[in-house]
Amino acid sequence: MNSALELLQTSSLGQTVRSAGYLYAVLETLHVLGIGLLIGSTFAIDLRLLGVGRKAVSVTSAMRHLLPVSYVGFIMAFFTGVALLSAQATMIAASGAAPWKFWLLVAAGANALAFHFGAGRGLEKWSEVSMPPLAARFAALLSMGAWTGVVFAGQMLPYT
């Protein structure tokens, strides 16, 4: 793992991010915007799965409109995150918060896959009902918890 981090850090990407004037600040800004798109749209879907707005919008409609936004946010956050990591990969990985952020990202992704291949498969059957099934609500709570943890761990990287 350390050799992969060292390779990333010594790559031309890492050297460019470290040396190019305002590039780090631009990447960090785009990273925050990507996180906002990802988590904002994901939380809106999660809240709808928890029953918020059930009389105003169906789960299907919420997901149809918000999932593309979350995908754009994820792509932005992923690529800018890798670029930011490349600037100081070994130092960031040494932070006590790094394993937390990594495993919470894995948990958020696994939860999303589990929803889409589990409770979400029957979406057509329950999308219009007043309250989604317990498995869908549980997935929404896990999603909100995991993404909140990812953001918190990311903020703690410089301090641990």
N, C-alpha and C. Protein backbone atom coordinates (compact mmCIF):
# COMPACT_ATOMS: atom_id res chain seq x y z
N MET A 1 0.83 -1.20 0.00
CA MET A 1 0.00 0.00 0.00
C MET A 1 0.87 1.26 0.00
N ASN A 2 1.92 1.25 0.84
CA ASN A 2 2.79 2.43 0.87
C ASN A 2 3.49 2.67 -0.46
N SER A 3 3.86 1.59 -1.14
CA SER A 3 4.54 1.78 -2.43
C SER A 3 3.59 2.40 -3.46
N ALA A 4 2.30 2.04 -3.41
CA ALA A 4 1.32 2.65 -4.32
C ALA A 4 1.14 4.12 -3.99
N LEU A 5 1.13 4.45 -2.71
CA LEU A 5 1.00 5.85 -2.29
C LEU A 5 2.23 6.65 -2.69
N GLU A 6 3.41 6.05 -2.51
CA GLU A 6 4.64 6.73 -2.92
C GLU A 6 4.68 6.94 -4.43
N LEU A 7 4.21 5.94 -5.17
CA LEU A 7 4.15 6.05 -6.62
C LEU A 7 3.21 7.19 -7.03
N LEU A 8 2.06 7.27 -6.38
CA LEU A 8 1.12 8.35 -6.67
C LEU A 8 1.73 9.71 -6.33
N GLN A 9 2.36 9.79 -5.18
CA GLN A 9 2.93 11.05 -4.72
C GLN A 9 4.08 11.52 -5.61
N THR A 10 4.89 10.60 -6.10
CA THR A 10 6.03 10.99 -6.95
C THR A 10 5.66 11.07 -8.43
N SER A 11 4.40 10.78 -8.75
CA SER A 11 3.96 10.84 -10.15
C SER A 11 3.97 12.28 -10.64
N SER A 12 3.85 12.43 -11.94
CA SER A 12 3.78 13.77 -12.51
C SER A 12 2.54 14.51 -12.01
N LEU A 13 1.46 13.78 -11.75
CA LEU A 13 0.26 14.42 -11.18
C LEU A 13 0.58 15.01 -9.82
N GLY A 14 1.19 14.22 -8.95
CA GLY A 14 1.54 14.71 -7.61
C GLY A 14 2.49 15.90 -7.67
N GLN A 15 3.47 15.82 -8.52
CA GLN A 15 4.42 16.93 -8.64
C GLN A 15 3.74 18.18 -9.18
N THR A 16 2.84 18.02 -10.12
CA THR A 16 2.12 19.17 -10.68
C THR A 16 1.22 19.82 -9.64
N VAL A 17 0.48 19.00 -8.90
CA VAL A 17 -0.43 19.55 -7.88
C VAL A 17 0.36 20.30 -6.81
N ARG A 18 1.52 19.76 -6.43
CA ARG A 18 2.35 20.42 -5.41
C ARG A 18 2.97 21.72 -5.91
N SER A 19 3.29 21.79 -7.17
CA SER A 19 4.09 22.92 -7.65
C SER A 19 3.32 23.99 -8.43
N ALA A 20 2.14 23.71 -8.89
CA ALA A 20 1.41 24.65 -9.76
C ALA A 20 0.56 25.60 -8.93
N GLY A 21 1.10 26.76 -8.67
CA GLY A 21 0.43 27.87 -8.01
C GLY A 21 -0.85 27.58 -7.26
N TYR A 22 -1.97 27.89 -7.88
CA TYR A 22 -3.27 27.79 -7.23
C TYR A 22 -4.00 26.49 -7.55
N LEU A 23 -3.33 25.55 -8.18
CA LEU A 23 -3.99 24.32 -8.60
C LEU A 23 -4.60 23.57 -7.41
N TYR A 24 -3.87 23.48 -6.30
CA TYR A 24 -4.39 22.76 -5.13
C TYR A 24 -5.69 23.40 -4.65
N ALA A 25 -5.71 24.72 -4.58
CA ALA A 25 -6.92 25.42 -4.13
C ALA A 25 -8.08 25.21 -5.11
N VAL A 26 -7.79 25.21 -6.40
CA VAL A 26 -8.84 24.97 -7.41
C VAL A 26 -9.37 23.55 -7.26
N LEU A 27 -8.47 22.57 -7.12
CA LEU A 27 -8.89 21.19 -6.94
C LEU A 27 -9.71 21.01 -5.67
N GLU A 28 -9.28 21.65 -4.60
CA GLU A 28 -10.01 21.54 -3.33
C GLU A 28 -11.41 22.15 -3.45
N THR A 29 -11.51 23.26 -4.16
CA THR A 29 -12.81 23.89 -4.38
C THR A 29 -13.72 22.97 -5.19
N LEU A 30 -13.19 22.40 -6.26
CA LEU A 30 -13.98 21.47 -7.07
C LEU A 30 -14.35 20.22 -6.29
N HIS A 31 -13.45 19.78 -5.41
CA HIS A 31 -13.72 18.62 -4.56
C HIS A 31 -14.90 18.90 -3.63
N VAL A 32 -14.89 20.05 -3.01
CA VAL A 32 -15.99 20.43 -2.11
C VAL A 32 -17.30 20.55 -2.88
N LEU A 33 -17.25 21.14 -4.07
CA LEU A 33 -18.47 21.24 -4.89
C LEU A 33 -18.98 19.85 -5.29
N GLY A 34 -18.08 18.96 -5.65
CA GLY A 34 -18.46 17.59 -5.99
C GLY A 34 -19.10 16.88 -4.81
N ILE A 35 -18.50 17.06 -3.63
CA ILE A 35 -19.06 16.46 -2.42
C ILE A 35 -20.46 17.03 -2.15
N GLY A 36 -20.61 18.33 -2.36
CA GLY A 36 -21.93 18.95 -2.17
C GLY A 36 -22.98 18.36 -3.09
N LEU A 37 -22.62 18.18 -4.37
CA LEU A 37 -23.56 17.57 -5.32
C LEU A 37 -23.88 16.13 -4.93
N LEU A 38 -22.85 15.39 -4.59
CA LEU A 38 -23.02 13.98 -4.23
C LEU A 38 -23.87 13.82 -2.98
N ILE A 39 -23.46 14.48 -1.92
CA ILE A 39 -24.13 14.26 -0.64
C ILE A 39 -25.48 14.98 -0.58
N GLY A 40 -25.57 16.15 -1.20
CA GLY A 40 -26.86 16.84 -1.22
C GLY A 40 -27.93 16.02 -1.90
N SER A 41 -27.62 15.50 -3.09
CA SER A 41 -28.61 14.70 -3.81
C SER A 41 -28.85 13.36 -3.12
N THR A 42 -27.80 12.77 -2.58
CA THR A 42 -27.96 11.49 -1.89
C THR A 42 -28.81 11.65 -0.64
N PHE A 43 -28.57 12.71 0.13
CA PHE A 43 -29.38 12.94 1.33
C PHE A 43 -30.84 13.21 0.97
N ALA A 44 -31.07 13.92 -0.14
CA ALA A 44 -32.45 14.16 -0.57
C ALA A 44 -33.15 12.84 -0.88
N ILE A 45 -32.46 11.94 -1.57
CA ILE A 45 -33.03 10.62 -1.84
C ILE A 45 -33.24 9.86 -0.53
N ASP A 46 -32.24 9.88 0.34
CA ASP A 46 -32.35 9.18 1.62
C ASP A 46 -33.52 9.70 2.45
N LEU A 47 -33.67 11.01 2.48
CA LEU A 47 -34.79 11.58 3.23
C LEU A 47 -36.13 11.13 2.64
N ARG A 48 -36.19 11.07 1.31
CA ARG A 48 -37.43 10.60 0.68
C ARG A 48 -37.68 9.14 1.03
N LEU A 49 -36.62 8.32 1.08
CA LEU A 49 -36.76 6.92 1.49
C LEU A 49 -37.22 6.81 2.94
N LEU A 50 -36.88 7.80 3.75
CA LEU A 50 -37.32 7.81 5.14
C LEU A 50 -38.74 8.36 5.30
N GLY A 51 -39.34 8.77 4.19
CA GLY A 51 -40.73 9.21 4.22
C GLY A 51 -40.93 10.71 4.10
N VAL A 52 -39.87 11.48 4.10
CA VAL A 52 -40.01 12.93 3.97
C VAL A 52 -40.48 13.26 2.56
N GLY A 53 -41.52 14.04 2.44
CA GLY A 53 -42.04 14.45 1.14
C GLY A 53 -42.81 13.38 0.41
N ARG A 54 -43.25 12.34 1.11
CA ARG A 54 -43.90 11.22 0.43
C ARG A 54 -45.19 11.59 -0.28
N LYS A 55 -45.83 12.68 0.15
CA LYS A 55 -47.07 13.11 -0.51
C LYS A 55 -46.78 14.01 -1.69
N ALA A 56 -45.56 14.52 -1.79
CA ALA A 56 -45.22 15.47 -2.85
C ALA A 56 -44.51 14.82 -4.03
N VAL A 57 -43.68 13.81 -3.77
CA VAL A 57 -42.88 13.21 -4.85
C VAL A 57 -42.67 11.72 -4.56
N SER A 58 -42.75 10.93 -5.61
CA SER A 58 -42.51 9.49 -5.45
C SER A 58 -41.01 9.23 -5.33
N VAL A 59 -40.68 8.09 -4.78
CA VAL A 59 -39.28 7.69 -4.69
C VAL A 59 -38.68 7.58 -6.09
N THR A 60 -39.44 7.01 -7.02
CA THR A 60 -38.97 6.85 -8.39
C THR A 60 -38.62 8.19 -9.02
N SER A 61 -39.51 9.16 -8.84
CA SER A 61 -39.26 10.49 -9.41
C SER A 61 -38.05 11.14 -8.76
N ALA A 62 -37.94 11.04 -7.45
CA ALA A 62 -36.79 11.62 -6.75
C ALA A 62 -35.49 11.01 -7.26
N MET A 63 -35.49 9.69 -7.39
CA MET A 63 -34.26 9.02 -7.85
C MET A 63 -33.96 9.34 -9.30
N ARG A 64 -34.98 9.41 -10.14
CA ARG A 64 -34.77 9.71 -11.56
C ARG A 64 -34.11 11.08 -11.74
N HIS A 65 -34.50 12.03 -10.91
CA HIS A 65 -33.96 13.38 -11.05
C HIS A 65 -32.65 13.59 -10.29
N LEU A 66 -32.48 12.90 -9.18
CA LEU A 66 -31.34 13.18 -8.31
C LEU A 66 -30.14 12.24 -8.50
N LEU A 67 -30.37 11.02 -8.94
CA LEU A 67 -29.22 10.11 -9.13
C LEU A 67 -28.21 10.64 -10.14
N PRO A 68 -28.63 11.23 -11.27
CA PRO A 68 -27.63 11.78 -12.18
C PRO A 68 -26.78 12.88 -11.53
N VAL A 69 -27.39 13.66 -10.66
CA VAL A 69 -26.64 14.71 -9.94
C VAL A 69 -25.62 14.06 -9.01
N SER A 70 -26.04 13.00 -8.32
CA SER A 70 -25.10 12.33 -7.41
C SER A 70 -23.95 11.69 -8.19
N TYR A 71 -24.22 11.17 -9.39
CA TYR A 71 -23.15 10.58 -10.20
C TYR A 71 -22.13 11.64 -10.62
N VAL A 72 -22.61 12.79 -11.04
CA VAL A 72 -21.70 13.89 -11.40
C VAL A 72 -20.87 14.29 -10.19
N GLY A 73 -21.52 14.42 -9.04
CA GLY A 73 -20.80 14.78 -7.81
C GLY A 73 -19.76 13.74 -7.44
N PHE A 74 -20.12 12.46 -7.57
CA PHE A 74 -19.17 11.39 -7.25
C PHE A 74 -17.95 11.45 -8.17
N ILE A 75 -18.19 11.61 -9.46
CA ILE A 75 -17.08 11.68 -10.42
C ILE A 75 -16.17 12.87 -10.10
N MET A 76 -16.78 14.02 -9.82
CA MET A 76 -15.98 15.20 -9.46
C MET A 76 -15.17 14.95 -8.19
N ALA A 77 -15.83 14.44 -7.16
CA ALA A 77 -15.15 14.22 -5.87
C ALA A 77 -14.06 13.16 -6.00
N PHE A 78 -14.32 12.11 -6.77
CA PHE A 78 -13.33 11.04 -6.92
C PHE A 78 -12.06 11.55 -7.60
N PHE A 79 -12.22 12.16 -8.77
CA PHE A 79 -11.03 12.57 -9.52
C PHE A 79 -10.27 13.71 -8.83
N THR A 80 -10.99 14.67 -8.26
CA THR A 80 -10.28 15.72 -7.54
C THR A 80 -9.67 15.18 -6.25
N GLY A 81 -10.33 14.20 -5.63
CA GLY A 81 -9.78 13.58 -4.42
C GLY A 81 -8.48 12.86 -4.70
N VAL A 82 -8.42 12.12 -5.79
CA VAL A 82 -7.18 11.44 -6.17
C VAL A 82 -6.09 12.47 -6.45
N ALA A 83 -6.44 13.53 -7.15
CA ALA A 83 -5.44 14.58 -7.44
C ALA A 83 -4.94 15.23 -6.16
N LEU A 84 -5.85 15.53 -5.24
CA LEU A 84 -5.44 16.12 -3.96
C LEU A 84 -4.58 15.15 -3.16
N LEU A 85 -4.96 13.89 -3.15
CA LEU A 85 -4.18 12.88 -2.44
C LEU A 85 -2.78 12.77 -3.02
N SER A 86 -2.66 12.92 -4.33
CA SER A 86 -1.35 12.77 -4.97
C SER A 86 -0.33 13.79 -4.48
N ALA A 87 -0.80 14.92 -4.00
CA ALA A 87 0.12 15.96 -3.53
C ALA A 87 0.87 15.54 -2.27
N GLN A 88 0.21 14.79 -1.40
CA GLN A 88 0.81 14.42 -0.11
C GLN A 88 0.32 13.04 0.33
N ALA A 89 0.35 12.08 -0.55
CA ALA A 89 -0.28 10.78 -0.31
C ALA A 89 0.22 10.09 0.96
N THR A 90 1.54 10.05 1.17
CA THR A 90 2.05 9.32 2.32
C THR A 90 1.71 10.02 3.63
N MET A 91 1.71 11.33 3.63
CA MET A 91 1.37 12.08 4.84
C MET A 91 -0.13 11.93 5.16
N ILE A 92 -0.97 12.02 4.15
CA ILE A 92 -2.41 11.88 4.36
C ILE A 92 -2.73 10.47 4.85
N ALA A 93 -2.09 9.47 4.24
CA ALA A 93 -2.35 8.09 4.63
C ALA A 93 -1.91 7.81 6.07
N ALA A 94 -0.94 8.56 6.56
CA ALA A 94 -0.47 8.38 7.93
C ALA A 94 -1.41 8.99 8.97
N SER A 95 -2.37 9.78 8.52
CA SER A 95 -3.33 10.40 9.44
C SER A 95 -4.21 9.32 10.07
N GLY A 96 -4.53 9.50 11.32
CA GLY A 96 -5.41 8.56 12.01
C GLY A 96 -6.81 8.51 11.41
N ALA A 97 -7.21 9.56 10.73
CA ALA A 97 -8.55 9.61 10.13
C ALA A 97 -8.60 8.92 8.77
N ALA A 98 -7.45 8.67 8.14
CA ALA A 98 -7.42 8.10 6.79
C ALA A 98 -8.11 6.73 6.71
N PRO A 99 -7.81 5.79 7.61
CA PRO A 99 -8.51 4.51 7.50
C PRO A 99 -10.02 4.64 7.73
N TRP A 100 -10.40 5.55 8.59
CA TRP A 100 -11.83 5.80 8.82
C TRP A 100 -12.50 6.29 7.54
N LYS A 101 -11.85 7.26 6.89
CA LYS A 101 -12.43 7.79 5.66
C LYS A 101 -12.51 6.70 4.61
N PHE A 102 -11.45 5.93 4.46
CA PHE A 102 -11.43 4.87 3.45
C PHE A 102 -12.54 3.86 3.69
N TRP A 103 -12.64 3.34 4.91
CA TRP A 103 -13.63 2.29 5.18
C TRP A 103 -15.05 2.83 5.19
N LEU A 104 -15.24 4.08 5.55
CA LEU A 104 -16.58 4.67 5.45
C LEU A 104 -16.97 4.87 3.98
N LEU A 105 -16.02 5.21 3.12
CA LEU A 105 -16.29 5.27 1.68
C LEU A 105 -16.68 3.89 1.15
N VAL A 106 -15.96 2.88 1.59
CA VAL A 106 -16.29 1.50 1.19
C VAL A 106 -17.69 1.14 1.68
N ALA A 107 -18.00 1.50 2.93
CA ALA A 107 -19.32 1.20 3.49
C ALA A 107 -20.42 1.92 2.73
N ALA A 108 -20.20 3.18 2.38
CA ALA A 108 -21.21 3.94 1.63
C ALA A 108 -21.43 3.31 0.26
N GLY A 109 -20.37 2.93 -0.40
CA GLY A 109 -20.50 2.28 -1.70
C GLY A 109 -21.17 0.93 -1.62
N ALA A 110 -20.79 0.13 -0.62
CA ALA A 110 -21.41 -1.20 -0.43
C ALA A 110 -22.89 -1.05 -0.11
N ASN A 111 -23.24 -0.05 0.69
CA ASN A 111 -24.64 0.19 1.03
C ASN A 111 -25.43 0.57 -0.21
N ALA A 112 -24.87 1.42 -1.06
CA ALA A 112 -25.55 1.81 -2.30
C ALA A 112 -25.77 0.60 -3.20
N LEU A 113 -24.75 -0.23 -3.34
CA LEU A 113 -24.90 -1.45 -4.15
C LEU A 113 -25.93 -2.39 -3.55
N ALA A 114 -25.88 -2.55 -2.24
CA ALA A 114 -26.86 -3.42 -1.57
C ALA A 114 -28.28 -2.90 -1.77
N PHE A 115 -28.45 -1.59 -1.73
CA PHE A 115 -29.79 -1.03 -1.95
C PHE A 115 -30.25 -1.30 -3.38
N HIS A 116 -29.40 -0.99 -4.34
CA HIS A 116 -29.79 -1.13 -5.74
C HIS A 116 -30.03 -2.58 -6.16
N PHE A 117 -29.32 -3.51 -5.53
CA PHE A 117 -29.52 -4.92 -5.86
C PHE A 117 -30.38 -5.65 -4.84
N GLY A 118 -30.81 -4.93 -3.80
CA GLY A 118 -31.67 -5.50 -2.77
C GLY A 118 -33.02 -4.82 -2.72
N ALA A 119 -33.21 -3.98 -1.73
CA ALA A 119 -34.50 -3.31 -1.53
C ALA A 119 -34.93 -2.48 -2.73
N GLY A 120 -33.98 -1.90 -3.43
CA GLY A 120 -34.29 -1.06 -4.57
C GLY A 120 -34.80 -1.81 -5.79
N ARG A 121 -34.57 -3.12 -5.83
CA ARG A 121 -35.04 -3.92 -6.98
C ARG A 121 -36.56 -3.94 -7.06
N GLY A 122 -37.24 -3.85 -5.94
CA GLY A 122 -38.70 -3.87 -5.92
C GLY A 122 -39.31 -2.49 -5.91
N LEU A 123 -38.54 -1.51 -6.32
CA LEU A 123 -38.95 -0.10 -6.25
C LEU A 123 -40.31 0.15 -6.91
N GLU A 124 -40.56 -0.47 -8.05
CA GLU A 124 -41.82 -0.22 -8.75
C GLU A 124 -43.01 -0.63 -7.89
N LYS A 125 -42.83 -1.62 -7.04
CA LYS A 125 -43.92 -2.13 -6.20
C LYS A 125 -44.26 -1.19 -5.06
N TRP A 126 -43.25 -0.47 -4.54
CA TRP A 126 -43.52 0.33 -3.35
C TRP A 126 -43.23 1.82 -3.51
N SER A 127 -42.83 2.27 -4.68
CA SER A 127 -42.45 3.67 -4.89
C SER A 127 -43.56 4.64 -4.53
N GLU A 128 -44.79 4.26 -4.80
CA GLU A 128 -45.91 5.19 -4.59
C GLU A 128 -46.55 5.04 -3.21
N VAL A 129 -46.16 4.03 -2.44
CA VAL A 129 -46.78 3.82 -1.13
C VAL A 129 -46.32 4.89 -0.15
N SER A 130 -47.08 5.05 0.91
CA SER A 130 -46.78 6.12 1.84
C SER A 130 -45.43 5.97 2.53
N MET A 131 -45.02 4.74 2.82
CA MET A 131 -43.75 4.54 3.50
C MET A 131 -42.99 3.38 2.86
N PRO A 132 -41.76 3.62 2.41
CA PRO A 132 -40.96 2.55 1.83
C PRO A 132 -40.73 1.43 2.86
N PRO A 133 -40.36 0.25 2.38
CA PRO A 133 -40.12 -0.87 3.30
C PRO A 133 -38.95 -0.59 4.25
N LEU A 134 -38.94 -1.34 5.32
CA LEU A 134 -37.93 -1.18 6.36
C LEU A 134 -36.51 -1.29 5.80
N ALA A 135 -36.26 -2.20 4.89
CA ALA A 135 -34.91 -2.36 4.32
C ALA A 135 -34.46 -1.09 3.60
N ALA A 136 -35.38 -0.44 2.89
CA ALA A 136 -35.03 0.80 2.18
C ALA A 136 -34.76 1.92 3.17
N ARG A 137 -35.54 1.99 4.21
CA ARG A 137 -35.33 3.04 5.23
C ARG A 137 -34.01 2.80 5.97
N PHE A 138 -33.71 1.55 6.25
CA PHE A 138 -32.46 1.22 6.93
C PHE A 138 -31.27 1.60 6.04
N ALA A 139 -31.37 1.30 4.75
CA ALA A 139 -30.30 1.67 3.80
C ALA A 139 -30.11 3.19 3.78
N ALA A 140 -31.21 3.94 3.85
CA ALA A 140 -31.12 5.40 3.85
C ALA A 140 -30.39 5.90 5.10
N LEU A 141 -30.71 5.33 6.25
CA LEU A 141 -30.02 5.73 7.49
C LEU A 141 -28.53 5.38 7.43
N LEU A 142 -28.22 4.20 6.92
CA LEU A 142 -26.81 3.81 6.77
C LEU A 142 -26.08 4.76 5.82
N SER A 143 -26.74 5.11 4.73
CA SER A 143 -26.15 6.02 3.76
C SER A 143 -25.84 7.37 4.40
N MET A 144 -26.80 7.91 5.09
CA MET A 144 -26.59 9.23 5.72
C MET A 144 -25.48 9.17 6.77
N GLY A 145 -25.44 8.09 7.53
CA GLY A 145 -24.39 7.94 8.53
C GLY A 145 -23.01 7.78 7.91
N ALA A 146 -22.92 6.94 6.89
CA ALA A 146 -21.63 6.70 6.24
C ALA A 146 -21.10 7.97 5.58
N TRP A 147 -21.95 8.68 4.83
CA TRP A 147 -21.49 9.89 4.14
C TRP A 147 -21.14 11.00 5.13
N THR A 148 -21.88 11.09 6.22
CA THR A 148 -21.53 12.07 7.25
C THR A 148 -20.16 11.73 7.83
N GLY A 149 -19.92 10.45 8.06
CA GLY A 149 -18.63 10.01 8.57
C GLY A 149 -17.49 10.27 7.60
N VAL A 150 -17.74 10.08 6.31
CA VAL A 150 -16.72 10.35 5.29
C VAL A 150 -16.32 11.83 5.34
N VAL A 151 -17.31 12.70 5.41
CA VAL A 151 -17.02 14.14 5.45
C VAL A 151 -16.26 14.49 6.73
N PHE A 152 -16.70 13.96 7.86
CA PHE A 152 -16.04 14.24 9.13
C PHE A 152 -14.59 13.73 9.12
N ALA A 153 -14.41 12.51 8.66
CA ALA A 153 -13.05 11.95 8.60
C ALA A 153 -12.17 12.76 7.66
N GLY A 154 -12.73 13.22 6.54
CA GLY A 154 -11.98 14.07 5.63
C GLY A 154 -11.54 15.38 6.28
N GLN A 155 -12.43 15.94 7.08
CA GLN A 155 -12.08 17.17 7.78
C GLN A 155 -11.03 16.93 8.87
N MET A 156 -10.99 15.72 9.39
CA MET A 156 -10.03 15.40 10.47
C MET A 156 -8.64 15.00 9.94
N LEU A 157 -8.51 14.77 8.65
CA LEU A 157 -7.22 14.31 8.11
C LEU A 157 -6.03 15.16 8.57
N PRO A 158 -6.12 16.50 8.53
CA PRO A 158 -4.94 17.28 8.94
C PRO A 158 -4.68 17.30 10.45
N TYR A 159 -5.64 16.83 11.23
CA TYR A 159 -5.55 16.98 12.69
C TYR A 159 -5.25 15.71 13.44
N THR A 160 -5.17 14.58 12.74
CA THR A 160 -4.94 13.32 13.48
C THR A 160 -3.69 12.61 13.00
